[in-house]
Protein backbone atom coordinates (compact mmCIF):
# COMPACT_ATOMS: atom_id res chain seq x y z
CA MET A 1 121.90 55.70 78.71
CA PRO A 2 121.82 53.12 81.51
CA LEU A 3 118.38 52.08 82.71
CA ARG A 4 118.87 53.31 86.31
CA TRP A 5 119.55 56.89 84.70
CA THR A 6 116.57 56.74 82.54
CA SER A 7 114.22 55.80 85.41
CA LEU A 8 115.90 58.60 87.42
CA LEU A 9 115.36 61.09 84.74
CA LEU A 10 111.77 60.09 84.17
CA VAL A 11 111.11 60.39 88.04
CA LEU A 12 112.71 63.98 87.88
CA ILE A 13 110.64 65.17 84.85
CA ALA A 14 107.43 63.87 86.55
CA SER A 15 108.23 65.39 89.95
CA GLU A 16 108.81 68.83 88.10
CA GLY A 17 105.24 68.60 86.60
CA LEU A 18 103.83 68.29 89.81
CA ARG A 19 105.57 71.51 91.36
CA PRO A 20 104.02 75.04 91.09
CA ARG A 21 106.06 76.83 88.43
CA LEU A 22 108.38 79.66 89.72
CA ALA A 23 109.81 81.99 87.44
CA GLN A 24 113.50 81.87 86.44
CA ALA A 25 116.03 84.55 87.51
CA GLU A 26 116.62 85.59 83.95
CA GLU A 27 112.95 86.60 83.89
CA PRO A 28 111.86 90.14 84.63
CA LEU A 29 111.15 91.12 88.12
CA HIS A 30 107.33 91.30 87.61
CA ALA A 31 107.27 87.96 86.18
CA ARG A 32 109.14 86.45 89.26
CA LEU A 33 106.91 88.35 91.59
CA ASP A 34 103.86 86.89 90.04
CA ALA A 35 105.17 83.32 89.98
CA PHE A 36 105.35 83.56 93.97
CA ILE A 37 101.73 84.81 94.31
CA GLU A 38 100.33 82.34 91.78
CA ALA A 39 102.28 79.49 93.29
CA LYS A 40 100.85 80.06 96.81
CA ALA A 41 97.26 80.51 95.65
CA LYS A 42 97.53 77.26 93.47
CA ALA A 43 98.98 75.35 96.24
CA ASP A 44 96.19 76.41 98.92
CA GLY A 45 93.38 76.09 96.33
CA ILE A 46 92.90 80.08 96.16
CA PRO A 47 91.09 81.14 92.99
CA LEU A 48 92.54 84.39 91.36
CA SER A 49 90.42 87.18 90.06
CA THR A 50 90.59 87.90 86.52
CA PRO A 51 92.52 90.88 84.99
CA ALA A 52 90.83 94.08 85.65
CA ASP A 53 89.33 95.71 82.71
CA ASP A 54 90.71 98.65 81.09
CA ALA A 55 88.54 101.21 82.79
CA GLU A 56 89.51 99.88 86.15
CA PHE A 57 93.24 99.64 85.12
CA VAL A 58 93.48 103.25 83.84
CA ARG A 59 91.73 104.73 86.83
CA ARG A 60 93.89 102.74 89.24
CA ALA A 61 97.26 103.70 87.39
CA TYR A 62 96.26 107.50 87.41
CA LEU A 63 95.40 107.51 90.99
CA ASP A 64 98.72 105.71 91.87
CA PHE A 65 101.09 107.75 89.73
CA ALA A 66 99.36 111.01 89.23
CA GLY A 67 97.28 111.31 92.22
CA ARG A 68 94.23 111.79 90.45
CA ILE A 69 91.50 110.16 88.15
CA PRO A 70 91.99 110.43 84.54
CA THR A 71 90.14 113.12 82.62
CA ALA A 72 87.12 111.69 80.49
CA ALA A 73 89.12 112.29 77.37
CA GLU A 74 92.01 110.37 78.79
CA THR A 75 89.82 107.60 79.63
CA LYS A 76 88.18 107.46 76.18
CA ALA A 77 91.73 107.40 74.61
CA PHE A 78 92.82 104.57 76.66
CA LEU A 79 89.69 102.57 76.15
CA ALA A 80 89.83 103.17 72.38
CA ASP A 81 93.64 101.99 72.21
CA THR A 82 93.73 98.48 70.59
CA SER A 83 97.54 98.02 71.07
CA ALA A 84 98.45 95.18 73.03
CA ASP A 85 101.17 97.24 75.04
CA LYS A 86 99.06 100.02 75.99
CA ARG A 87 99.13 99.26 79.80
CA THR A 88 102.97 99.28 79.78
CA LYS A 89 102.91 102.47 77.66
CA LEU A 90 100.52 104.13 80.12
CA LEU A 91 102.60 103.32 83.09
CA ASP A 92 105.76 104.69 81.29
CA LYS A 93 104.11 107.85 80.47
CA LEU A 94 102.77 108.30 84.00
CA LEU A 95 105.96 107.32 85.67
CA GLY A 96 107.76 109.97 83.46
CA GLY A 97 105.13 112.48 83.60
CA GLN A 98 105.30 115.81 85.45
CA GLU A 99 102.65 114.88 87.94
CA TYR A 100 104.70 111.95 89.28
CA ALA A 101 106.86 114.00 91.54
CA THR A 102 103.87 115.78 93.08
CA ARG A 103 102.07 112.48 93.62
CA MET A 104 104.96 111.03 95.20
CA ALA A 105 105.60 114.05 97.54
CA ASP A 106 102.17 113.81 98.84
CA LEU A 107 102.08 110.15 99.25
CA PHE A 108 105.50 110.06 101.11
CA ASN A 109 104.63 113.12 103.26
CA VAL A 110 101.62 111.27 104.45
CA MET A 111 103.87 108.14 105.37
CA LEU A 112 106.90 110.02 106.67
CA LEU A 113 105.00 112.96 108.53
CA GLU A 114 101.84 111.14 109.47
CA ARG A 115 99.89 114.63 109.28
CA LEU A 116 102.24 115.97 112.04
CA GLY A 117 102.43 119.44 110.11
CA ASP A 118 103.41 121.13 106.84
CA ASN A 119 106.46 122.91 105.60
CA PRO A 120 106.92 124.22 102.01
CA GLU A 121 110.62 123.43 102.23
CA TRP A 122 109.94 119.81 103.18
CA ILE A 123 107.55 119.52 100.35
CA LYS A 124 110.07 121.03 97.87
CA PHE A 125 112.74 118.42 99.39
CA LEU A 126 110.28 115.61 98.67
CA LYS A 127 109.21 116.82 95.26
CA GLU A 128 112.95 117.64 94.01
CA SER A 129 113.96 114.16 95.35
CA PHE A 130 111.37 112.35 93.11
CA GLU A 131 111.98 114.57 90.25
CA LYS A 132 115.66 113.48 90.13
CA ASN A 133 114.73 110.09 91.28
CA MET A 134 116.90 110.30 94.25
CA PRO A 135 117.61 106.80 95.78
CA TRP A 136 115.73 106.07 98.76
CA ASP A 137 118.79 105.46 100.97
CA ALA A 138 119.99 109.03 100.05
CA MET A 139 116.83 110.56 100.94
CA VAL A 140 116.60 108.81 104.33
CA LYS A 141 120.49 109.70 104.97
CA LYS A 142 119.47 113.36 104.43
CA MET A 143 116.35 113.20 107.00
CA LEU A 144 118.29 111.38 109.64
CA ARG A 145 121.41 113.60 109.27
CA ALA A 146 119.24 116.93 109.45
CA ASP A 147 122.65 118.74 108.66
CA PRO A 148 122.34 122.38 109.53
CA LYS A 149 124.96 123.23 106.89
CA GLU A 150 122.66 121.54 104.10
CA THR A 151 121.74 124.27 101.87
CA ALA A 152 120.84 122.55 98.65
CA GLN A 153 117.83 120.79 100.19
CA PRO A 154 117.44 122.24 103.78
CA GLY A 155 113.79 120.81 104.07
CA ALA A 156 114.89 117.33 104.70
CA ALA A 157 115.73 118.25 108.20
CA PHE A 158 111.98 119.00 108.81
CA TRP A 159 111.40 115.16 109.47
CA LEU A 160 113.32 115.29 112.52
CA ALA A 161 112.95 119.04 113.22
CA LYS A 162 109.23 118.60 113.68
CA ARG A 163 109.56 115.78 116.15
CA LEU A 164 111.98 117.81 118.37
CA GLU A 165 109.31 120.70 119.05
CA ASN A 166 107.76 120.75 122.24
CA TYR A 167 104.61 122.53 123.31
CA GLY A 168 104.03 124.57 126.40
CA GLN A 169 105.59 123.00 129.38
CA ASN A 170 105.64 119.45 127.67
CA PRO A 171 109.11 117.95 127.15
CA VAL A 172 110.55 116.86 123.80
CA ASP A 173 108.97 113.53 123.09
CA TYR A 174 112.30 111.64 122.49
CA SER A 175 110.58 108.25 123.10
CA GLY A 176 108.13 109.09 120.27
CA LEU A 177 111.11 110.04 117.94
CA THR A 178 112.78 106.79 118.57
CA ARG A 179 109.60 104.99 118.07
CA ASP A 180 108.97 106.54 114.72
CA VAL A 181 112.58 106.08 113.55
CA GLY A 182 111.89 102.25 114.33
CA ARG A 183 108.42 102.12 112.64
CA ILE A 184 109.03 104.09 109.59
CA PHE A 185 112.60 103.17 108.60
CA LEU A 186 112.94 99.66 110.19
CA GLY A 187 109.37 98.35 110.20
CA LYS A 188 109.81 97.68 113.90
CA ASN A 189 107.52 99.38 116.58
CA LEU A 190 109.71 99.08 119.58
CA GLN A 191 107.40 101.51 121.68
CA CYS A 192 106.65 98.66 124.33
CA ALA A 193 110.14 97.79 124.66
CA GLU A 194 111.27 101.09 126.33
CA CYS A 195 111.05 99.99 129.68
CA HIS A 196 111.49 96.15 129.41
CA ASP A 197 111.89 93.69 126.65
CA HIS A 198 108.58 93.53 124.69
CA LEU A 199 105.98 91.17 126.52
CA PHE A 200 104.36 89.59 123.35
CA ILE A 201 107.19 89.98 120.70
CA PRO A 202 110.39 88.15 121.91
CA ASP A 203 112.54 89.68 119.09
CA TYR A 204 111.98 93.30 120.48
CA LYS A 205 114.51 93.95 123.25
CA GLN A 206 114.95 96.90 125.59
CA GLN A 207 118.30 97.04 124.32
CA ASP A 208 116.92 97.74 120.80
CA PHE A 209 114.97 100.64 121.95
CA GLN A 210 117.60 102.22 124.44
CA GLY A 211 120.36 101.82 121.67
CA LEU A 212 118.23 103.51 119.00
CA HIS A 213 117.20 106.14 121.54
CA THR A 214 120.70 106.99 122.39
CA PHE A 215 121.40 108.48 118.80
CA PHE A 216 118.81 111.14 119.47
CA LYS A 217 118.75 111.68 123.20
CA ASN A 218 121.17 114.79 122.75
CA THR A 219 119.34 116.31 119.88
CA TYR A 220 117.64 119.59 120.12
CA LEU A 221 115.89 122.32 117.99
CA ALA A 222 117.72 125.65 117.73
CA LYS A 223 115.15 128.02 116.17
CA THR A 224 114.56 125.96 112.86
CA VAL A 225 117.67 123.92 112.73
CA VAL A 226 118.59 120.58 114.46
CA GLY A 227 121.55 120.75 116.79
CA GLU A 228 123.42 118.19 119.09
CA ARG A 229 124.92 118.20 122.45
CA PRO A 230 127.89 115.94 122.89
CA THR A 231 127.21 112.31 123.75
CA VAL A 232 130.08 111.35 126.11
CA GLU A 233 128.78 108.43 127.94
CA LYS A 234 126.40 105.22 127.43
CA THR A 235 122.77 105.55 128.22
CA PRO A 236 121.97 103.76 131.66
CA PHE A 237 118.70 101.75 131.65
CA ALA A 238 117.11 98.95 133.64
CA SER A 239 114.01 96.74 133.12
CA VAL A 240 111.14 97.70 135.48
CA PHE A 241 110.96 93.98 136.01
CA THR A 242 114.38 92.75 136.74
CA LYS A 243 115.86 96.06 138.00
CA VAL A 244 119.23 94.94 136.56
CA GLN A 245 121.34 97.91 135.58
CA MET A 246 122.58 97.99 131.96
CA ALA A 247 124.07 100.66 129.73
CA THR A 248 124.26 101.16 125.83
CA ALA A 249 126.14 103.24 123.49
CA PRO A 250 124.24 104.19 120.07
CA ALA A 251 123.30 100.96 118.41
CA LEU A 252 120.81 99.82 115.68
CA PRO A 253 118.60 97.26 116.76
CA GLY A 254 120.25 93.81 116.81
CA ALA A 255 123.68 95.46 115.81
CA VAL A 256 126.81 96.09 118.11
CA MET A 257 127.28 99.38 119.84
CA ILE A 258 129.15 102.31 118.46
CA ASP A 259 132.16 103.14 120.28
CA ILE A 260 131.85 106.57 121.95
CA PRO A 261 135.28 108.21 121.53
CA ALA A 262 136.96 109.79 124.81
CA LEU A 263 137.11 113.45 124.21
CA THR A 264 138.48 116.07 126.65
CA LYS A 265 135.68 118.14 128.03
CA GLY A 266 135.44 121.24 125.78
CA MET A 267 137.10 119.59 123.04
CA GLU A 268 133.94 117.75 121.74
CA PHE A 269 133.28 120.21 118.64
CA SER A 270 135.42 120.86 115.62
CA GLU A 271 133.18 123.98 115.14
CA GLN A 272 132.13 125.55 118.48
CA PRO A 273 128.16 126.63 118.74
CA ASP A 274 127.64 130.35 118.33
CA LYS A 275 125.37 131.38 121.42
CA LYS A 276 124.70 134.74 119.82
CA THR A 277 123.07 133.48 116.62
CA GLY A 278 121.89 130.14 118.28
CA THR A 279 123.76 128.28 115.43
CA PRO A 280 124.73 124.76 116.60
CA GLY A 281 128.35 123.54 116.31
CA VAL A 282 129.82 120.51 114.62
CA LEU A 283 130.76 117.75 116.71
CA LYS A 284 133.56 115.40 116.36
CA PHE A 285 131.38 112.59 117.24
CA SER A 286 128.00 113.05 115.89
CA PRO A 287 125.32 110.26 116.56
CA LEU A 288 123.08 111.68 113.70
CA LYS A 289 126.13 111.44 111.42
CA GLU A 290 126.51 107.91 112.54
CA ILE A 291 122.98 106.73 112.17
CA SER A 292 122.68 108.44 108.75
CA GLU A 293 125.54 106.53 107.51
CA ARG A 294 124.62 103.27 109.23
CA LEU A 295 120.82 102.64 108.84
CA PRO A 296 119.93 103.40 105.34
CA THR A 297 122.34 100.85 103.86
CA LYS A 298 122.09 97.68 101.59
CA ALA A 299 123.80 95.74 104.51
CA ASN A 300 120.84 96.67 106.81
CA ALA A 301 118.19 93.86 106.18
CA ASP A 302 115.65 95.71 108.31
CA PHE A 303 115.84 98.80 106.29
CA THR A 304 115.89 97.02 102.81
CA ARG A 305 112.88 94.64 103.86
CA ASN A 306 110.83 97.40 105.40
CA ALA A 307 111.25 99.84 102.31
CA ALA A 308 110.39 96.97 99.80
CA ASN A 309 107.30 96.17 101.97
CA ARG A 310 106.16 99.79 102.10
CA LEU A 311 106.43 100.20 98.34
CA TRP A 312 104.49 97.01 97.87
CA PHE A 313 101.91 98.04 100.38
CA MET A 314 101.52 101.60 98.54
CA LEU A 315 100.42 99.66 95.15
CA LEU A 316 98.88 96.81 96.39
CA GLY A 317 96.99 97.99 99.56
CA ARG A 318 98.57 95.49 102.07
CA GLY A 319 102.28 94.76 102.95
CA GLN A 320 103.77 91.39 102.63
CA VAL A 321 104.31 91.98 106.26
CA HIS A 322 101.34 93.60 107.78
CA PRO A 323 100.97 95.58 109.96
CA LEU A 324 103.59 97.57 108.18
CA ASP A 325 105.57 98.29 111.57
CA LEU A 326 105.63 94.76 113.02
CA HIS A 327 108.36 92.98 111.20
CA HIS A 328 109.45 90.02 113.63
CA SER A 329 109.72 86.30 113.62
CA LYS A 330 106.03 85.59 114.70
CA ASN A 331 104.69 87.75 111.93
CA PRO A 332 106.29 86.53 108.83
CA ALA A 333 105.70 87.84 105.40
CA SER A 334 102.85 86.20 103.47
CA HIS A 335 105.28 85.27 100.74
CA PRO A 336 108.66 85.15 102.28
CA GLU A 337 110.55 84.68 99.19
CA LEU A 338 108.80 87.28 97.50
CA LEU A 339 109.84 89.89 99.95
CA ASP A 340 113.45 88.65 100.03
CA LEU A 341 113.45 89.13 96.11
CA LEU A 342 111.74 92.53 96.43
CA ALA A 343 114.23 93.80 98.93
CA SER A 344 117.36 92.39 97.26
CA GLU A 345 116.30 93.97 93.83
CA PHE A 346 115.52 97.27 95.45
CA ALA A 347 118.86 97.23 97.27
CA GLY A 348 120.66 95.80 94.01
CA ARG A 349 119.31 98.66 91.84
CA ASN A 350 120.57 101.33 94.33
CA PHE A 351 117.16 101.71 95.97
CA ASP A 352 115.59 103.10 92.75
CA ILE A 353 111.79 103.79 93.66
CA LYS A 354 110.63 104.24 90.16
CA TYR A 355 112.10 101.02 88.97
CA LEU A 356 110.56 99.05 91.95
CA PHE A 357 107.12 100.86 91.40
CA ARG A 358 107.22 99.97 87.66
CA GLU A 359 107.96 96.34 88.18
CA ILE A 360 105.19 96.01 90.74
CA ALA A 361 102.75 97.87 88.52
CA LEU A 362 103.57 95.30 85.59
CA THR A 363 102.64 92.51 87.58
CA LYS A 364 99.46 90.59 87.03
CA THR A 365 98.89 90.85 90.70
CA TYR A 366 98.80 94.74 90.44
CA ALA A 367 96.52 94.38 87.47
CA ARG A 368 94.03 91.94 89.09
CA SER A 369 90.22 92.96 89.25
CA SER A 370 88.58 93.85 92.38
CA LYS A 371 85.77 91.67 91.55
CA LEU A 372 85.78 88.25 93.05
CA PRO A 373 86.53 85.19 90.85
CA ALA A 374 83.51 83.49 89.50
CA SER A 375 83.97 80.15 91.50
CA ALA A 376 84.51 82.19 94.68
CA ASN A 377 81.31 82.82 97.12
CA LYS A 378 83.59 85.03 99.29
CA ALA A 379 86.86 86.92 99.37
CA ALA A 380 90.09 85.03 99.86
CA PRO A 381 92.13 86.35 102.91
CA ALA A 382 93.94 89.44 102.00
CA GLN A 383 97.26 88.08 102.22
CA TYR A 384 96.82 86.11 99.00
CA PHE A 385 96.35 89.11 97.02
CA ALA A 386 93.89 87.01 95.02
CA THR A 387 91.64 89.95 94.34
CA ALA A 388 92.54 93.78 94.28
CA ILE A 389 92.26 95.31 97.52
CA GLU A 390 90.08 98.50 97.94
CA ARG A 391 92.10 101.27 99.05
CA ARG A 392 90.75 104.58 100.39
CA LEU A 393 91.80 107.54 98.28
CA THR A 394 93.91 110.17 100.26
CA ALA A 395 92.62 113.53 101.01
CA GLU A 396 95.04 114.91 98.33
CA GLN A 397 93.83 112.38 95.85
CA LEU A 398 90.24 113.13 96.67
CA LEU A 399 90.75 116.71 96.14
CA GLN A 400 92.52 116.49 92.84
CA SER A 401 90.04 113.73 91.67
CA THR A 402 87.09 116.11 92.52
CA LEU A 403 88.63 118.99 90.70
CA ILE A 404 89.25 116.85 87.54
CA ALA A 405 85.88 115.30 87.66
CA THR A 406 83.98 118.56 87.94
CA GLY A 407 86.12 120.55 85.54
CA SER A 408 86.86 123.02 88.10
CA ASP A 409 89.89 125.49 88.21
CA PRO A 410 93.08 123.53 89.49
CA LYS A 411 94.10 126.85 91.43
CA SER A 412 91.17 126.28 93.84
CA ALA A 413 93.31 123.30 95.12
CA ASP A 414 95.19 125.69 97.62
CA THR A 415 92.05 126.90 99.48
CA LEU A 416 90.34 123.57 99.35
CA ARG A 417 93.14 121.35 100.65
CA PRO A 418 92.94 122.26 104.31
CA LYS A 419 88.92 121.41 104.01
CA PHE A 420 89.73 118.03 102.49
CA VAL A 421 92.44 117.30 104.83
CA LYS A 422 90.39 117.99 107.74
CA ALA A 423 87.42 115.78 106.60
CA PHE A 424 89.23 112.83 105.00
CA ALA A 425 92.69 112.49 106.62
CA ASN A 426 93.56 110.63 109.70
CA GLN A 427 94.60 112.22 112.96
CA ALA A 428 98.22 112.94 113.44
CA ARG A 429 100.64 110.11 114.24
CA GLU A 430 97.64 107.52 112.88
CA PRO A 431 99.10 105.79 109.91
CA GLU A 432 96.77 106.03 106.92
CA GLU A 433 96.80 102.22 106.04
CA GLU A 434 93.24 101.07 106.26
CA PHE A 435 90.01 102.27 104.80
CA THR A 436 87.80 103.87 107.57
CA PRO A 437 84.61 105.65 106.62
CA SER A 438 83.74 108.33 108.97
CA LEU A 439 80.70 110.62 109.84
CA LYS A 440 82.70 113.81 109.29
CA ALA A 441 83.72 112.94 105.68
CA ALA A 442 80.08 112.03 104.89
CA LEU A 443 78.96 115.35 106.39
CA PHE A 444 81.68 117.18 104.37
CA VAL A 445 80.36 115.79 101.17
CA LEU A 446 76.70 116.35 101.99
CA HIS A 447 76.82 119.97 103.16
CA ASP A 448 80.11 121.82 102.47
CA ASP A 449 79.47 124.84 100.41
CA ALA A 450 83.01 124.74 98.72
CA VAL A 451 82.16 121.16 97.43
CA LEU A 452 78.66 121.84 96.49
CA GLY A 453 79.83 124.93 94.73
CA LEU A 454 82.04 122.71 92.43
CA LEU A 455 78.83 121.27 90.99
CA ALA A 456 77.01 124.61 90.29
CA PRO A 457 77.07 125.09 86.70
CA LYS A 458 79.65 127.53 85.45
CA PRO A 459 81.30 128.08 81.99
CA GLY A 460 83.03 125.14 80.70
CA ASN A 461 82.72 122.94 83.95
CA LEU A 462 81.27 119.32 84.06
CA VAL A 463 77.64 120.25 84.86
CA GLU A 464 77.17 123.31 82.30
CA ARG A 465 78.92 121.23 79.75
CA VAL A 466 76.91 118.03 79.80
CA ALA A 467 73.46 119.34 80.57
CA LYS A 468 73.48 120.45 76.91
CA LEU A 469 73.82 117.10 75.60
CA SER A 470 71.26 114.12 74.95
CA ASP A 471 70.21 112.05 77.85
CA ALA A 472 72.38 109.13 76.67
CA ASP A 473 75.40 111.32 76.07
CA THR A 474 74.90 113.35 79.38
CA ILE A 475 74.92 110.02 81.49
CA ASP A 476 78.01 108.73 79.51
CA GLU A 477 79.98 111.89 80.08
CA LEU A 478 79.07 111.99 83.78
CA TYR A 479 80.13 108.34 84.29
CA LEU A 480 83.50 108.67 82.50
CA ALA A 481 84.17 111.99 84.08
CA ILE A 482 83.58 110.74 87.62
CA LEU A 483 84.06 107.25 87.68
CA SER A 484 86.14 106.57 84.68
CA ARG A 485 83.85 103.94 83.11
CA LYS A 486 80.57 103.71 81.20
CA PRO A 487 77.39 103.22 83.03
CA SER A 488 75.89 99.73 83.19
CA THR A 489 72.31 99.26 81.46
CA ASP A 490 70.60 99.43 84.94
CA GLU A 491 72.45 102.62 85.73
CA ARG A 492 71.40 104.34 82.61
CA THR A 493 67.92 103.23 82.88
CA ALA A 494 67.70 104.84 86.47
CA ILE A 495 69.30 107.96 85.71
CA THR A 496 67.16 108.72 82.49
CA LYS A 497 64.26 108.39 84.88
CA VAL A 498 65.65 110.92 87.01
CA LEU A 499 66.26 113.23 84.17
CA ALA A 500 62.83 112.85 82.63
CA LYS A 501 61.13 113.68 85.94
CA HIS A 502 62.86 117.21 85.73
CA PRO A 503 62.72 118.49 82.33
CA ASP A 504 62.50 122.13 83.54
CA GLN A 505 65.39 121.82 85.92
CA ARG A 506 67.50 119.64 83.87
CA THR A 507 70.86 121.39 84.83
CA GLU A 508 70.15 121.02 88.56
CA ALA A 509 69.02 117.41 88.08
CA VAL A 510 72.29 116.89 86.35
CA GLY A 511 74.34 118.46 89.10
CA ARG A 512 72.53 116.18 91.73
CA VAL A 513 73.36 113.18 89.65
CA ALA A 514 77.08 114.38 89.62
CA TRP A 515 76.87 114.86 93.34
CA ALA A 516 75.56 111.24 93.94
CA LEU A 517 78.51 109.87 91.78
CA LEU A 518 81.11 111.86 93.62
CA ALA A 519 79.54 111.04 97.17
CA SER A 520 79.57 107.31 96.33
CA MET A 521 81.88 104.73 97.82
CA GLU A 522 83.14 103.78 94.38
CA PHE A 523 84.66 107.28 93.83
CA GLY A 524 86.20 107.35 97.26
CA VAL A 525 88.41 104.22 96.93
CA ASN A 526 90.92 102.90 94.55
CA HIS A 527 89.55 99.41 93.38
């Protein structure tokens, strides 16, 4: 080999050694995702936390994919398992389990409806979709189309129908509907671009809002189904600043307008509405049909990136783009190549939610401890994902976990759910993205008779069962049942002293210890 080529090869080898290693395309997706996280942390001198121990991991996995903490028996079995692939086997068991669909229905209901209301057919639609592993684009298509002729899964229309309700003399909030479509499905909060171009986000134009609004401005609620009036002309609008008159046909943000066909008045419907029954007709040109076919597609980068970002957030506690509904050039992803890869893989796998969840959960990033690295004296900025981010449990997770922990009758969930939602859920339209302790939640745990009643000794429940054991076994069982871990030496010593002070009221003392663990911050967050 000529000397000049030998020298060049040595230079290239040396330079490769200085670069942070990025996983190759043939490696599994989870390895490629980790490579981006690790490369950025290394480049910026950010230490990464060690892997979570088995107790932390098993609790995290059950909460994310079953919607509850593991039972004491499930925790013991996982801790005792010595197989090298036990975490992968656990994830596959949970993703394939019966509780997965219920958990996903709860999770996506909160994201999509933001506590606007409940509807059994809507929950049925969500649950059936996750049972069948319906692709995300297909789910969104059903929600946006809100087809009144849909008989297999009519509940899909509730997403749109709920937003078309009006109360008293208040008109339908079409602006709010437009905002929600942009926020939830495209990751763009266009609310401040309704009357003019956004003042602080140059990417968000008034045309974006008005074009999106035009898809929905002629929709209405006919009893319980969504109808459409004919769209025959563009929507006029003008900036409150420039006063320049403009007009738009239906259009997705940044996309070309859809041609509105010229139809003779009275000939807009292929099936006429029935005024007697209130049944909406079928339009020859349906903006809802148009958006349902154009928005949730692989070709729509806004849709794919927003979906991938939200799924990452659901398991990691923070989006690559954060806040979730502010995708724009001045708020880039923390790891741009990672989000591009996540979005392209999600679209390439035909929007398979279960596949993407599994790959994210297999990352070292997901399995990282919530404890700071030994070399760190303070937490790194959250966008590095250097340490597991504490995530508040939803009202539904708290309810199911409380019932599991206390050994209570699962059937009581139906009567307790409204209480837990009232105490722990955010107000309607307020995304549940951040952990915010509240006085009402604290008072609920302190004083609610229904919660306190779960800790009263009853045949077979936690307090009745463990009060009969020795002090050491009682304390172990309480911690395993409620916090999914064994107690520390200091915790064991402190609780032993509490039990020793009340030998004649042992059951009541055990109940008070159980209550203290349930009321702790550790129980209320996924860490």
